[in-house]
């Protein structure tokens, strides 16, 4: 029996009544009608704001205490208060983020499992590996942007360079002699520095590290000449005056670091930008009303005074945008990274 959704009446008066005394056939028909109406009403109610009706999981590929972890826990507190349901943060680092992403991929299309990931996972990894255990576009769709953060050009406090122009001049004078550090092959910093070398016509030697703290300690000691780093990762060394920030790879200066010029202002290439972003994704097929509620809830949370205050400390910039804007950012980053990875012949297989 096919009953159009538009004809559903979920009020008591619109439901089929009790069995008739006019015969088993009519009774059966009325009960089938009642069952169909009940199923239709349940579906309508499920899409009309019942979400969330039980705890929501935020699954992260980051360690406890990291910047994204701290942000997710702040958002969890805000969303728990707004939704009157617990929002639980689960950390599953390792395996290039695939443990956390795989967990959410298997978690169902109901909006109760969110992957909190960055642009490395959703835009860069597909171009570094021939085979991934997930497809960013086929398996996931954007729910809500959370924040983005730009990278500083970081050198030792004892470095003779006063600006990016000095760094570029030294690199041109000593091809392949200058060293730059990153947290690994295929990282955003590695690909970003490849972009920087292309933009400046220089060649430098890559020194990968396994740990962020080792990387920036090596920069502070002068063991590597420079590195890209975010405010969250270098602020302790910067405040201790062990490193200098030559420039910010962004279109404009950061309000919390007003004395640090942009790369263009510091004698580097014009319009050079390097940033990373963190956002929430859900499995493909999650209902549109659920995605809408996630987007609105997270957008409100990232703009709350408590979260904005912590963002300023980390050097993060709130990104309360639509899922469509996040999708556009994913496409743009993917296209840009694809070109750089192919040109530099970078592969992690």
C-alpha atoms as a PDB file:
ATOM      1  CA  UNK A   1       0.000   0.000   0.000  1.00  0.00           C
ATOM      2  CA  UNK A   2       1.539   3.306  -1.090  1.00  0.00           C
ATOM      3  CA  UNK A   3       0.473   6.321   0.952  1.00  0.00           C
ATOM      4  CA  UNK A   4       2.021   9.666  -0.198  1.00  0.00           C
ATOM      5  CA  UNK A   5       4.032  11.433   2.514  1.00  0.00           C
ATOM      6  CA  UNK A   6       2.112  14.686   1.911  1.00  0.00           C
ATOM      7  CA  UNK A   7      -1.110  12.934   2.897  1.00  0.00           C
ATOM      8  CA  UNK A   8       0.171  11.801   6.284  1.00  0.00           C
ATOM      9  CA  UNK A   9      -1.810  13.043   9.270  1.00  0.00           C
ATOM     10  CA  UNK A  10       0.098  12.306  12.468  1.00  0.00           C
ATOM     11  CA  UNK A  11      -2.638  13.549  14.743  1.00  0.00           C
ATOM     12  CA  UNK A  12      -4.770  11.020  16.645  1.00  0.00           C
ATOM     13  CA  UNK A  13      -7.732  11.879  14.428  1.00  0.00           C
ATOM     14  CA  UNK A  14      -5.727  11.052  11.328  1.00  0.00           C
ATOM     15  CA  UNK A  15      -4.726   7.565  12.449  1.00  0.00           C
ATOM     16  CA  UNK A  16      -6.649   4.424  11.571  1.00  0.00           C
ATOM     17  CA  UNK A  17      -9.213   3.466  14.204  1.00  0.00           C
ATOM     18  CA  UNK A  18      -9.848   0.166  15.954  1.00  0.00           C
ATOM     19  CA  UNK A  19     -10.721  -3.025  14.066  1.00  0.00           C
ATOM     20  CA  UNK A  20     -14.093  -3.023  12.329  1.00  0.00           C
ATOM     21  CA  UNK A  21     -16.767  -5.641  12.921  1.00  0.00           C
ATOM     22  CA  UNK A  22     -17.482  -5.789   9.184  1.00  0.00           C
ATOM     23  CA  UNK A  23     -15.077  -8.604   8.466  1.00  0.00           C
ATOM     24  CA  UNK A  24     -11.448  -9.758   8.628  1.00  0.00           C
ATOM     25  CA  UNK A  25     -10.534  -8.251   5.237  1.00  0.00           C
ATOM     26  CA  UNK A  26     -11.559  -4.727   6.246  1.00  0.00           C
ATOM     27  CA  UNK A  27      -9.828  -5.142   9.631  1.00  0.00           C
ATOM     28  CA  UNK A  28      -6.596  -6.213   7.934  1.00  0.00           C
ATOM     29  CA  UNK A  29      -6.726  -3.281   5.547  1.00  0.00           C
ATOM     30  CA  UNK A  30      -7.281  -0.784   8.349  1.00  0.00           C
ATOM     31  CA  UNK A  31      -4.392  -2.202  10.368  1.00  0.00           C
ATOM     32  CA  UNK A  32      -2.075  -2.057   7.334  1.00  0.00           C
ATOM     33  CA  UNK A  33      -3.085   1.559   6.851  1.00  0.00           C
ATOM     34  CA  UNK A  34      -2.373   2.271  10.516  1.00  0.00           C
ATOM     35  CA  UNK A  35       1.045   0.627  10.304  1.00  0.00           C
ATOM     36  CA  UNK A  36       1.987   2.585   7.181  1.00  0.00           C
ATOM     37  CA  UNK A  37       0.894   5.846   8.780  1.00  0.00           C
ATOM     38  CA  UNK A  38       2.850   5.051  11.933  1.00  0.00           C
ATOM     39  CA  UNK A  39       6.012   4.413   9.953  1.00  0.00           C
ATOM     40  CA  UNK A  40       5.514   7.625   7.965  1.00  0.00           C
ATOM     41  CA  UNK A  41       4.946   9.661  11.116  1.00  0.00           C
ATOM     42  CA  UNK A  42       8.026   8.155  12.760  1.00  0.00           C
ATOM     43  CA  UNK A  43      10.128   9.100   9.736  1.00  0.00           C
ATOM     44  CA  UNK A  44       8.762  12.635   9.721  1.00  0.00           C
ATOM     45  CA  UNK A  45       9.408  13.016  13.438  1.00  0.00           C
ATOM     46  CA  UNK A  46      12.974  11.710  13.024  1.00  0.00           C
ATOM     47  CA  UNK A  47      13.668  14.547  10.579  1.00  0.00           C
ATOM     48  CA  UNK A  48      11.860  17.311  12.427  1.00  0.00           C
ATOM     49  CA  UNK A  49      14.306  18.139  15.180  1.00  0.00           C
ATOM     50  CA  UNK A  50      14.534  15.030  17.332  1.00  0.00           C
ATOM     51  CA  UNK A  51      18.315  14.994  16.814  1.00  0.00           C
ATOM     52  CA  UNK A  52      20.217  14.476  19.034  1.00  0.00           C
ATOM     53  CA  UNK A  53      18.314  12.060  21.229  1.00  0.00           C
ATOM     54  CA  UNK A  54      21.377  10.343  22.702  1.00  0.00           C
ATOM     55  CA  UNK A  55      25.150  11.011  23.092  1.00  0.00           C
ATOM     56  CA  UNK A  56      27.158  12.273  20.122  1.00  0.00           C
ATOM     57  CA  UNK A  57      30.770  11.170  19.527  1.00  0.00           C
ATOM     58  CA  UNK A  58      33.553  13.397  18.223  1.00  0.00           C
ATOM     59  CA  UNK A  59      36.320  11.066  17.018  1.00  0.00           C
ATOM     60  CA  UNK A  60      39.770  12.634  16.607  1.00  0.00           C
ATOM     61  CA  UNK A  61      43.012  11.353  15.067  1.00  0.00           C
ATOM     62  CA  UNK A  62      44.923  13.586  17.513  1.00  0.00           C
ATOM     63  CA  UNK A  63      46.486  12.949  20.911  1.00  0.00           C
ATOM     64  CA  UNK A  64      45.048  14.252  24.160  1.00  0.00           C
ATOM     65  CA  UNK A  65      46.407  17.729  24.853  1.00  0.00           C
ATOM     66  CA  UNK A  66      46.921  18.710  21.209  1.00  0.00           C
ATOM     67  CA  UNK A  67      45.377  21.887  19.809  1.00  0.00           C
ATOM     68  CA  UNK A  68      42.521  20.139  17.957  1.00  0.00           C
ATOM     69  CA  UNK A  69      41.830  18.016  21.032  1.00  0.00           C
ATOM     70  CA  UNK A  70      41.553  21.092  23.263  1.00  0.00           C
ATOM     71  CA  UNK A  71      39.201  22.723  20.759  1.00  0.00           C
ATOM     72  CA  UNK A  72      37.031  19.620  20.430  1.00  0.00           C
ATOM     73  CA  UNK A  73      36.623  19.425  24.207  1.00  0.00           C
ATOM     74  CA  UNK A  74      35.591  23.080  24.371  1.00  0.00           C
ATOM     75  CA  UNK A  75      33.078  22.527  21.589  1.00  0.00           C
ATOM     76  CA  UNK A  76      31.829  19.411  23.344  1.00  0.00           C
ATOM     77  CA  UNK A  77      31.048  21.430  26.451  1.00  0.00           C
ATOM     78  CA  UNK A  78      29.194  24.081  24.438  1.00  0.00           C
ATOM     79  CA  UNK A  79      27.200  21.542  22.433  1.00  0.00           C
ATOM     80  CA  UNK A  80      26.351  19.450  25.486  1.00  0.00           C
ATOM     81  CA  UNK A  81      24.802  22.516  27.103  1.00  0.00           C
ATOM     82  CA  UNK A  82      22.931  23.496  23.932  1.00  0.00           C
ATOM     83  CA  UNK A  83      21.657  20.047  22.964  1.00  0.00           C
ATOM     84  CA  UNK A  84      21.059  18.638  26.458  1.00  0.00           C
ATOM     85  CA  UNK A  85      22.882  15.488  25.347  1.00  0.00           C
ATOM     86  CA  UNK A  86      26.474  14.463  26.117  1.00  0.00           C
ATOM     87  CA  UNK A  87      29.030  15.165  23.386  1.00  0.00           C
ATOM     88  CA  UNK A  88      31.955  12.811  23.949  1.00  0.00           C
ATOM     89  CA  UNK A  89      35.488  13.295  22.596  1.00  0.00           C
ATOM     90  CA  UNK A  90      37.305  10.088  21.623  1.00  0.00           C
ATOM     91  CA  UNK A  91      41.011  10.235  20.720  1.00  0.00           C
ATOM     92  CA  UNK A  92      42.253   7.637  18.234  1.00  0.00           C
ATOM     93  CA  UNK A  93      45.663   8.797  17.018  1.00  0.00           C
ATOM     94  CA  UNK A  94      47.904   6.749  14.772  1.00  0.00           C
ATOM     95  CA  UNK A  95      47.974   5.189  11.306  1.00  0.00           C
ATOM     96  CA  UNK A  96      47.925   8.575   9.557  1.00  0.00           C
ATOM     97  CA  UNK A  97      44.528   9.332  11.089  1.00  0.00           C
ATOM     98  CA  UNK A  98      42.955   6.288   9.474  1.00  0.00           C
ATOM     99  CA  UNK A  99      41.935   4.671  12.775  1.00  0.00           C
ATOM    100  CA  UNK A 100      39.693   7.595  13.698  1.00  0.00           C
ATOM    101  CA  UNK A 101      38.386   8.104  10.173  1.00  0.00           C
ATOM    102  CA  UNK A 102      37.620   4.400   9.772  1.00  0.00           C
ATOM    103  CA  UNK A 103      35.739   4.397  13.069  1.00  0.00           C
ATOM    104  CA  UNK A 104      33.446   7.197  11.885  1.00  0.00           C
ATOM    105  CA  UNK A 105      33.067   5.670   8.424  1.00  0.00           C
ATOM    106  CA  UNK A 106      31.648   2.553  10.102  1.00  0.00           C
ATOM    107  CA  UNK A 107      29.654   4.536  12.644  1.00  0.00           C
ATOM    108  CA  UNK A 108      26.457   4.934  10.669  1.00  0.00           C
ATOM    109  CA  UNK A 109      24.714   7.689   8.748  1.00  0.00           C
ATOM    110  CA  UNK A 110      22.823   9.144  11.688  1.00  0.00           C
ATOM    111  CA  UNK A 111      25.031  12.056  12.747  1.00  0.00           C
ATOM    112  CA  UNK A 112      26.061  10.521  16.055  1.00  0.00           C
ATOM    113  CA  UNK A 113      29.690   9.947  15.014  1.00  0.00           C
ATOM    114  CA  UNK A 114      31.687  12.945  13.746  1.00  0.00           C
ATOM    115  CA  UNK A 115      35.208  12.900  12.335  1.00  0.00           C
ATOM    116  CA  UNK A 116      37.137  15.969  13.509  1.00  0.00           C
ATOM    117  CA  UNK A 117      39.954  16.093  10.966  1.00  0.00           C
ATOM    118  CA  UNK A 118      42.129  18.563   9.071  1.00  0.00           C
ATOM    119  CA  UNK A 119      42.875  19.312   5.459  1.00  0.00           C
ATOM    120  CA  UNK A 120      45.759  16.838   5.437  1.00  0.00           C
ATOM    121  CA  UNK A 121      43.283  13.969   5.705  1.00  0.00           C
ATOM    122  CA  UNK A 122      40.630  15.344   3.375  1.00  0.00           C
ATOM    123  CA  UNK A 123      42.669  17.101   0.671  1.00  0.00           C
ATOM    124  CA  UNK A 124      46.352  16.059   0.773  1.00  0.00           C
ATOM    125  CA  UNK A 125      46.499  12.343   1.580  1.00  0.00           C
ATOM    126  CA  UNK A 126      44.535  11.289  -1.536  1.00  0.00           C
ATOM    127  CA  UNK A 127      47.408  12.612  -3.658  1.00  0.00           C
ATOM    128  CA  UNK A 128      50.168  11.024  -1.571  1.00  0.00           C
ATOM    129  CA  UNK A 129      48.875   7.447  -1.441  1.00  0.00           C
ATOM    130  CA  UNK A 130      47.765   5.248  -4.332  1.00  0.00           C
ATOM    131  CA  UNK A 131      45.295   3.554  -2.040  1.00  0.00           C
ATOM    132  CA  UNK A 132      43.496   4.920   1.024  1.00  0.00           C
ATOM    133  CA  UNK A 133      41.092   3.062   3.349  1.00  0.00           C
ATOM    134  CA  UNK A 134      38.576   5.842   2.697  1.00  0.00           C
ATOM    135  CA  UNK A 135      37.573   8.260  -0.027  1.00  0.00           C
ATOM    136  CA  UNK A 136      37.147  11.846   1.244  1.00  0.00           C
ATOM    137  CA  UNK A 137      34.403  12.640  -1.281  1.00  0.00           C
ATOM    138  CA  UNK A 138      32.672   9.307  -1.776  1.00  0.00           C
ATOM    139  CA  UNK A 139      32.599   8.302   1.911  1.00  0.00           C
ATOM    140  CA  UNK A 140      32.217  11.636   3.702  1.00  0.00           C
ATOM    141  CA  UNK A 141      30.479  14.943   3.395  1.00  0.00           C
ATOM    142  CA  UNK A 142      31.148  18.244   5.168  1.00  0.00           C
ATOM    143  CA  UNK A 143      29.189  19.029   8.305  1.00  0.00           C
ATOM    144  CA  UNK A 144      30.842  22.154   9.735  1.00  0.00           C
ATOM    145  CA  UNK A 145      34.125  24.090   9.561  1.00  0.00           C
ATOM    146  CA  UNK A 146      35.647  24.780  12.981  1.00  0.00           C
ATOM    147  CA  UNK A 147      38.810  26.874  12.638  1.00  0.00           C
ATOM    148  CA  UNK A 148      41.828  27.545  10.486  1.00  0.00           C
ATOM    149  CA  UNK A 149      45.341  28.639  11.378  1.00  0.00           C
ATOM    150  CA  UNK A 150      48.168  30.050   9.272  1.00  0.00           C
ATOM    151  CA  UNK A 151      51.847  29.165   9.476  1.00  0.00           C
ATOM    152  CA  UNK A 152      54.721  31.350  10.635  1.00  0.00           C
ATOM    153  CA  UNK A 153      58.241  31.263   9.212  1.00  0.00           C
ATOM    154  CA  UNK A 154      60.211  30.217  12.314  1.00  0.00           C
ATOM    155  CA  UNK A 155      63.972  30.556  12.874  1.00  0.00           C
ATOM    156  CA  UNK A 156      66.318  30.435  15.846  1.00  0.00           C
ATOM    157  CA  UNK A 157      66.508  33.527  17.991  1.00  0.00           C
ATOM    158  CA  UNK A 158      70.230  33.620  17.059  1.00  0.00           C
ATOM    159  CA  UNK A 159      69.560  33.511  13.324  1.00  0.00           C
ATOM    160  CA  UNK A 160      71.179  36.382  11.381  1.00  0.00           C
ATOM    161  CA  UNK A 161      68.075  36.695   9.204  1.00  0.00           C
ATOM    162  CA  UNK A 162      65.798  39.590  10.040  1.00  0.00           C
ATOM    163  CA  UNK A 163      63.103  38.889   7.460  1.00  0.00           C
ATOM    164  CA  UNK A 164      62.003  36.443   4.774  1.00  0.00           C
ATOM    165  CA  UNK A 165      63.943  38.378   2.159  1.00  0.00           C
ATOM    166  CA  UNK A 166      67.157  37.520   4.021  1.00  0.00           C
ATOM    167  CA  UNK A 167      66.210  33.831   4.120  1.00  0.00           C
ATOM    168  CA  UNK A 168      65.462  33.758   0.387  1.00  0.00           C
ATOM    169  CA  UNK A 169      68.716  35.561  -0.450  1.00  0.00           C
ATOM    170  CA  UNK A 170      70.710  33.036   1.606  1.00  0.00           C
ATOM    171  CA  UNK A 171      68.927  30.123  -0.075  1.00  0.00           C
ATOM    172  CA  UNK A 172      69.660  31.488  -3.536  1.00  0.00           C
ATOM    173  CA  UNK A 173      73.318  32.003  -2.668  1.00  0.00           C
ATOM    174  CA  UNK A 174      73.693  28.484  -1.217  1.00  0.00           C
ATOM    175  CA  UNK A 175      71.521  26.118  -3.233  1.00  0.00           C
ATOM    176  CA  UNK A 176      70.625  22.967  -1.258  1.00  0.00           C
ATOM    177  CA  UNK A 177      72.749  24.120   1.705  1.00  0.00           C
ATOM    178  CA  UNK A 178      69.952  25.602   3.801  1.00  0.00           C
ATOM    179  CA  UNK A 179      67.835  23.136   5.754  1.00  0.00           C
ATOM    180  CA  UNK A 180      64.161  23.215   6.687  1.00  0.00           C
ATOM    181  CA  UNK A 181      62.431  20.935   9.152  1.00  0.00           C
ATOM    182  CA  UNK A 182      58.969  19.395   9.100  1.00  0.00           C
ATOM    183  CA  UNK A 183      57.050  16.766  11.056  1.00  0.00           C
ATOM    184  CA  UNK A 184      57.356  14.283   8.203  1.00  0.00           C
ATOM    185  CA  UNK A 185      57.266  13.541   4.506  1.00  0.00           C
ATOM    186  CA  UNK A 186      53.959  14.510   2.965  1.00  0.00           C
ATOM    187  CA  UNK A 187      52.932  16.807   5.805  1.00  0.00           C
ATOM    188  CA  UNK A 188      51.324  20.166   5.097  1.00  0.00           C
ATOM    189  CA  UNK A 189      54.611  21.797   6.117  1.00  0.00           C
ATOM    190  CA  UNK A 190      56.582  19.643   3.667  1.00  0.00           C
ATOM    191  CA  UNK A 191      54.246  20.351   0.754  1.00  0.00           C
ATOM    192  CA  UNK A 192      53.977  24.002   1.824  1.00  0.00           C
ATOM    193  CA  UNK A 193      57.746  24.434   1.805  1.00  0.00           C
ATOM    194  CA  UNK A 194      57.849  22.872  -1.651  1.00  0.00           C
ATOM    195  CA  UNK A 195      55.374  25.556  -2.715  1.00  0.00           C
ATOM    196  CA  UNK A 196      57.554  28.220  -1.072  1.00  0.00           C
ATOM    197  CA  UNK A 197      60.648  27.024  -2.944  1.00  0.00           C
ATOM    198  CA  UNK A 198      58.750  27.110  -6.235  1.00  0.00           C
ATOM    199  CA  UNK A 199      57.556  30.636  -5.504  1.00  0.00           C
ATOM    200  CA  UNK A 200      61.059  31.887  -4.655  1.00  0.00           C
ATOM    201  CA  UNK A 201      63.123  29.875  -7.141  1.00  0.00           C
ATOM    202  CA  UNK A 202      65.172  28.251  -4.386  1.00  0.00           C
ATOM    203  CA  UNK A 203      66.237  24.737  -3.408  1.00  0.00           C
ATOM    204  CA  UNK A 204      66.702  23.665   0.193  1.00  0.00           C
ATOM    205  CA  UNK A 205      67.248  20.379   2.022  1.00  0.00           C
ATOM    206  CA  UNK A 206      64.383  18.711   3.838  1.00  0.00           C
ATOM    207  CA  UNK A 207      64.973  17.355   7.364  1.00  0.00           C
ATOM    208  CA  UNK A 208      61.929  15.388   8.584  1.00  0.00           C
ATOM    209  CA  UNK A 209      61.290  14.815  12.287  1.00  0.00           C
ATOM    210  CA  UNK A 210      58.995  12.307  13.989  1.00  0.00           C
ATOM    211  CA  UNK A 211      57.888  14.657  16.738  1.00  0.00           C
ATOM    212  CA  UNK A 212      56.797  18.301  16.746  1.00  0.00           C
ATOM    213  CA  UNK A 213      58.659  19.146  19.940  1.00  0.00           C
ATOM    214  CA  UNK A 214      61.893  17.718  18.506  1.00  0.00           C
ATOM    215  CA  UNK A 215      61.429  19.743  15.340  1.00  0.00           C
ATOM    216  CA  UNK A 216      61.052  23.142  16.983  1.00  0.00           C
ATOM    217  CA  UNK A 217      63.699  22.421  19.584  1.00  0.00           C
ATOM    218  CA  UNK A 218      66.059  21.713  16.682  1.00  0.00           C
ATOM    219  CA  UNK A 219      65.079  25.043  15.096  1.00  0.00           C
ATOM    220  CA  UNK A 220      65.703  26.857  18.396  1.00  0.00           C
ATOM    221  CA  UNK A 221      69.161  25.256  18.653  1.00  0.00           C
ATOM    222  CA  UNK A 222      70.019  26.103  15.067  1.00  0.00           C
ATOM    223  CA  UNK A 223      70.274  22.434  14.076  1.00  0.00           C
ATOM    224  CA  UNK A 224      67.974  23.189  11.147  1.00  0.00           C
ATOM    225  CA  UNK A 225      67.764  26.633   9.600  1.00  0.00           C
ATOM    226  CA  UNK A 226      64.009  27.186   9.640  1.00  0.00           C
ATOM    227  CA  UNK A 227      60.542  25.660   9.644  1.00  0.00           C
ATOM    228  CA  UNK A 228      56.899  26.519   9.201  1.00  0.00           C
ATOM    229  CA  UNK A 229      54.977  26.453  12.486  1.00  0.00           C
ATOM    230  CA  UNK A 230      51.642  27.574  13.894  1.00  0.00           C
ATOM    231  CA  UNK A 231      51.194  29.776  16.928  1.00  0.00           C
ATOM    232  CA  UNK A 232      49.940  26.807  18.938  1.00  0.00           C
ATOM    233  CA  UNK A 233      53.110  24.803  18.283  1.00  0.00           C
ATOM    234  CA  UNK A 234      55.765  27.497  18.689  1.00  0.00           C
ATOM    235  CA  UNK A 235      54.309  30.005  21.127  1.00  0.00           C
ATOM    236  CA  UNK A 236      56.143  28.609  24.182  1.00  0.00           C
ATOM    237  CA  UNK A 237      59.528  28.834  22.452  1.00  0.00           C
ATOM    238  CA  UNK A 238      58.597  32.248  21.076  1.00  0.00           C
ATOM    239  CA  UNK A 239      57.588  33.577  24.494  1.00  0.00           C
ATOM    240  CA  UNK A 240      60.830  32.183  25.914  1.00  0.00           C
ATOM    241  CA  UNK A 241      62.686  34.122  23.169  1.00  0.00           C
ATOM    242  CA  UNK A 242      64.289  30.974  21.775  1.00  0.00           C
ATOM    243  CA  UNK A 243      62.838  31.453  18.279  1.00  0.00           C
ATOM    244  CA  UNK A 244      61.919  34.370  16.044  1.00  0.00           C
ATOM    245  CA  UNK A 245      58.888  34.648  13.805  1.00  0.00           C
ATOM    246  CA  UNK A 246      60.040  36.218  10.554  1.00  0.00           C
ATOM    247  CA  UNK A 247      56.615  36.334   8.928  1.00  0.00           C
ATOM    248  CA  UNK A 248      53.115  34.911   8.711  1.00  0.00           C
ATOM    249  CA  UNK A 249      52.064  33.064   5.538  1.00  0.00           C
ATOM    250  CA  UNK A 250      48.675  34.783   5.366  1.00  0.00           C
ATOM    251  CA  UNK A 251      46.951  37.639   3.523  1.00  0.00           C
ATOM    252  CA  UNK A 252      46.932  39.788   6.674  1.00  0.00           C
ATOM    253  CA  UNK A 253      48.616  39.956  10.061  1.00  0.00           C
ATOM    254  CA  UNK A 254      47.239  37.967  12.961  1.00  0.00           C
ATOM    255  CA  UNK A 255      45.527  40.186  15.581  1.00  0.00           C
ATOM    256  CA  UNK A 256      47.222  38.279  18.406  1.00  0.00           C
ATOM    257  CA  UNK A 257      50.651  38.755  16.745  1.00  0.00           C
ATOM    258  CA  UNK A 258      50.354  42.292  15.310  1.00  0.00           C
ATOM    259  CA  UNK A 259      54.132  42.833  15.108  1.00  0.00           C
ATOM    260  CA  UNK A 260      54.737  39.843  12.831  1.00  0.00           C
ATOM    261  CA  UNK A 261      54.488  40.897   9.162  1.00  0.00           C
ATOM    262  CA  UNK A 262      53.040  38.803   6.364  1.00  0.00           C
ATOM    263  CA  UNK A 263      55.415  36.947   4.026  1.00  0.00           C
ATOM    264  CA  UNK A 264      54.816  39.590   1.355  1.00  0.00           C
ATOM    265  CA  UNK A 265      55.550  42.405   3.814  1.00  0.00           C
ATOM    266  CA  UNK A 266      58.744  40.652   4.917  1.00  0.00           C
ATOM    267  CA  UNK A 267      60.308  40.501   1.463  1.00  0.00           C
ATOM    268  CA  UNK A 268      58.870  37.153   0.368  1.00  0.00           C
ATOM    269  CA  UNK A 269      56.649  36.201  -2.563  1.00  0.00           C
ATOM    270  CA  UNK A 270      53.370  38.072  -2.915  1.00  0.00           C
ATOM    271  CA  UNK A 271      50.133  36.318  -2.061  1.00  0.00           C
ATOM    272  CA  UNK A 272      51.920  33.336  -0.505  1.00  0.00           C
ATOM    273  CA  UNK A 273      49.589  31.609   1.937  1.00  0.00           C
ATOM    274  CA  UNK A 274      49.901  28.404   3.942  1.00  0.00           C
ATOM    275  CA  UNK A 275      47.300  27.309   6.418  1.00  0.00           C
ATOM    276  CA  UNK A 276      45.639  24.274   7.868  1.00  0.00           C
ATOM    277  CA  UNK A 277      42.006  23.907   8.844  1.00  0.00           C
ATOM    278  CA  UNK A 278      40.036  21.605  11.090  1.00  0.00           C
ATOM    279  CA  UNK A 279      36.425  20.650  10.454  1.00  0.00           C
ATOM    280  CA  UNK A 280      33.702  18.113  11.212  1.00  0.00           C
ATOM    281  CA  UNK A 281      32.749  15.515   8.609  1.00  0.00           C
ATOM    282  CA  UNK A 282      30.037  12.865   8.682  1.00  0.00           C
ATOM    283  CA  UNK A 283      29.504   9.686   6.645  1.00  0.00           C
ATOM    284  CA  UNK A 284      27.936  10.151   3.233  1.00  0.00           C
ATOM    285  CA  UNK A 285      24.178   9.798   3.401  1.00  0.00           C
ATOM    286  CA  UNK A 286      23.687  11.509   6.768  1.00  0.00           C
ATOM    287  CA  UNK A 287      20.258  13.240   6.563  1.00  0.00           C
ATOM    288  CA  UNK A 288      20.315  16.895   5.538  1.00  0.00           C
ATOM    289  CA  UNK A 289      18.345  18.071   8.629  1.00  0.00           C
ATOM    290  CA  UNK A 290      20.936  16.437  10.883  1.00  0.00           C
ATOM    291  CA  UNK A 291      23.817  18.018   8.976  1.00  0.00           C
ATOM    292  CA  UNK A 292      22.064  21.374   9.200  1.00  0.00           C
ATOM    293  CA  UNK A 293      21.704  21.080  12.965  1.00  0.00           C
ATOM    294  CA  UNK A 294      25.349  20.055  13.313  1.00  0.00           C
ATOM    295  CA  UNK A 295      26.466  23.015  11.225  1.00  0.00           C
ATOM    296  CA  UNK A 296      24.369  25.510  13.178  1.00  0.00           C
ATOM    297  CA  UNK A 297      25.357  24.060  16.540  1.00  0.00           C
ATOM    298  CA  UNK A 298      29.088  24.051  15.810  1.00  0.00           C
ATOM    299  CA  UNK A 299      28.960  27.541  14.242  1.00  0.00           C
ATOM    300  CA  UNK A 300      27.340  28.902  17.402  1.00  0.00           C
ATOM    301  CA  UNK A 301      29.860  27.098  19.611  1.00  0.00           C
ATOM    302  CA  UNK A 302      32.963  28.419  17.820  1.00  0.00           C
ATOM    303  CA  UNK A 303      31.631  31.959  18.205  1.00  0.00           C
ATOM    304  CA  UNK A 304      30.983  31.695  21.931  1.00  0.00           C
ATOM    305  CA  UNK A 305      33.124  34.065  24.051  1.00  0.00           C
ATOM    306  CA  UNK A 306      34.840  31.193  25.904  1.00  0.00           C
ATOM    307  CA  UNK A 307      35.914  29.455  22.706  1.00  0.00           C
ATOM    308  CA  UNK A 308      36.987  32.680  20.973  1.00  0.00           C
ATOM    309  CA  UNK A 309      39.173  33.556  23.957  1.00  0.00           C
ATOM    310  CA  UNK A 310      40.962  30.205  23.743  1.00  0.00           C
ATOM    311  CA  UNK A 311      41.278  30.535  19.979  1.00  0.00           C
ATOM    312  CA  UNK A 312      43.132  33.798  20.468  1.00  0.00           C
ATOM    313  CA  UNK A 313      45.573  32.036  22.787  1.00  0.00           C
ATOM    314  CA  UNK A 314      46.221  29.316  20.214  1.00  0.00           C
ATOM    315  CA  UNK A 315      46.388  31.696  17.274  1.00  0.00           C
ATOM    316  CA  UNK A 316      43.367  29.964  15.739  1.00  0.00           C
ATOM    317  CA  UNK A 317      40.747  31.807  13.710  1.00  0.00           C
ATOM    318  CA  UNK A 318      37.123  30.751  14.127  1.00  0.00           C
ATOM    319  CA  UNK A 319      35.536  29.569  10.902  1.00  0.00           C
ATOM    320  CA  UNK A 320      31.737  29.646  11.308  1.00  0.00           C
ATOM    321  CA  UNK A 321      30.814  28.886   7.717  1.00  0.00           C
ATOM    322  CA  UNK A 322      28.364  26.733   5.801  1.00  0.00           C
ATOM    323  CA  UNK A 323      28.940  23.143   4.758  1.00  0.00           C
ATOM    324  CA  UNK A 324      28.975  24.378   1.159  1.00  0.00           C
ATOM    325  CA  UNK A 325      31.911  26.698   1.918  1.00  0.00           C
ATOM    326  CA  UNK A 326      33.762  23.824   3.571  1.00  0.00           C
ATOM    327  CA  UNK A 327      33.142  21.716   0.476  1.00  0.00           C
ATOM    328  CA  UNK A 328      34.559  24.488  -1.701  1.00  0.00           C
ATOM    329  CA  UNK A 329      37.650  24.745   0.524  1.00  0.00           C
ATOM    330  CA  UNK A 330      38.143  20.988   0.283  1.00  0.00           C
ATOM    331  CA  UNK A 331      37.963  21.105  -3.513  1.00  0.00           C
ATOM    332  CA  UNK A 332      40.315  24.092  -3.795  1.00  0.00           C
ATOM    333  CA  UNK A 333      42.939  22.636  -1.450  1.00  0.00           C
ATOM    334  CA  UNK A 334      42.756  19.257  -3.152  1.00  0.00           C
ATOM    335  CA  UNK A 335      43.364  20.798  -6.575  1.00  0.00           C
ATOM    336  CA  UNK A 336      46.283  22.878  -5.318  1.00  0.00           C
ATOM    337  CA  UNK A 337      47.926  19.990  -3.445  1.00  0.00           C
ATOM    338  CA  UNK A 338      47.464  17.648  -6.417  1.00  0.00           C
ATOM    339  CA  UNK A 339      49.469  20.004  -8.616  1.00  0.00           C
ATOM    340  CA  UNK A 340      52.285  20.465  -6.079  1.00  0.00           C
ATOM    341  CA  UNK A 341      52.576  16.757  -5.215  1.00  0.00           C
ATOM    342  CA  UNK A 342      52.680  15.762  -8.878  1.00  0.00           C
ATOM    343  CA  UNK A 343      55.277  18.394  -9.775  1.00  0.00           C
ATOM    344  CA  UNK A 344      57.521  17.478  -6.827  1.00  0.00           C
ATOM    345  CA  UNK A 345      56.932  13.736  -7.325  1.00  0.00           C
ATOM    346  CA  UNK A 346      56.079  13.186  -3.653  1.00  0.00           C
ATOM    347  CA  UNK A 347      54.715   9.730  -2.801  1.00  0.00           C
ATOM    348  CA  UNK A 348      54.286   7.884   0.481  1.00  0.00           C
ATOM    349  CA  UNK A 349      53.457   4.448  -0.977  1.00  0.00           C
END
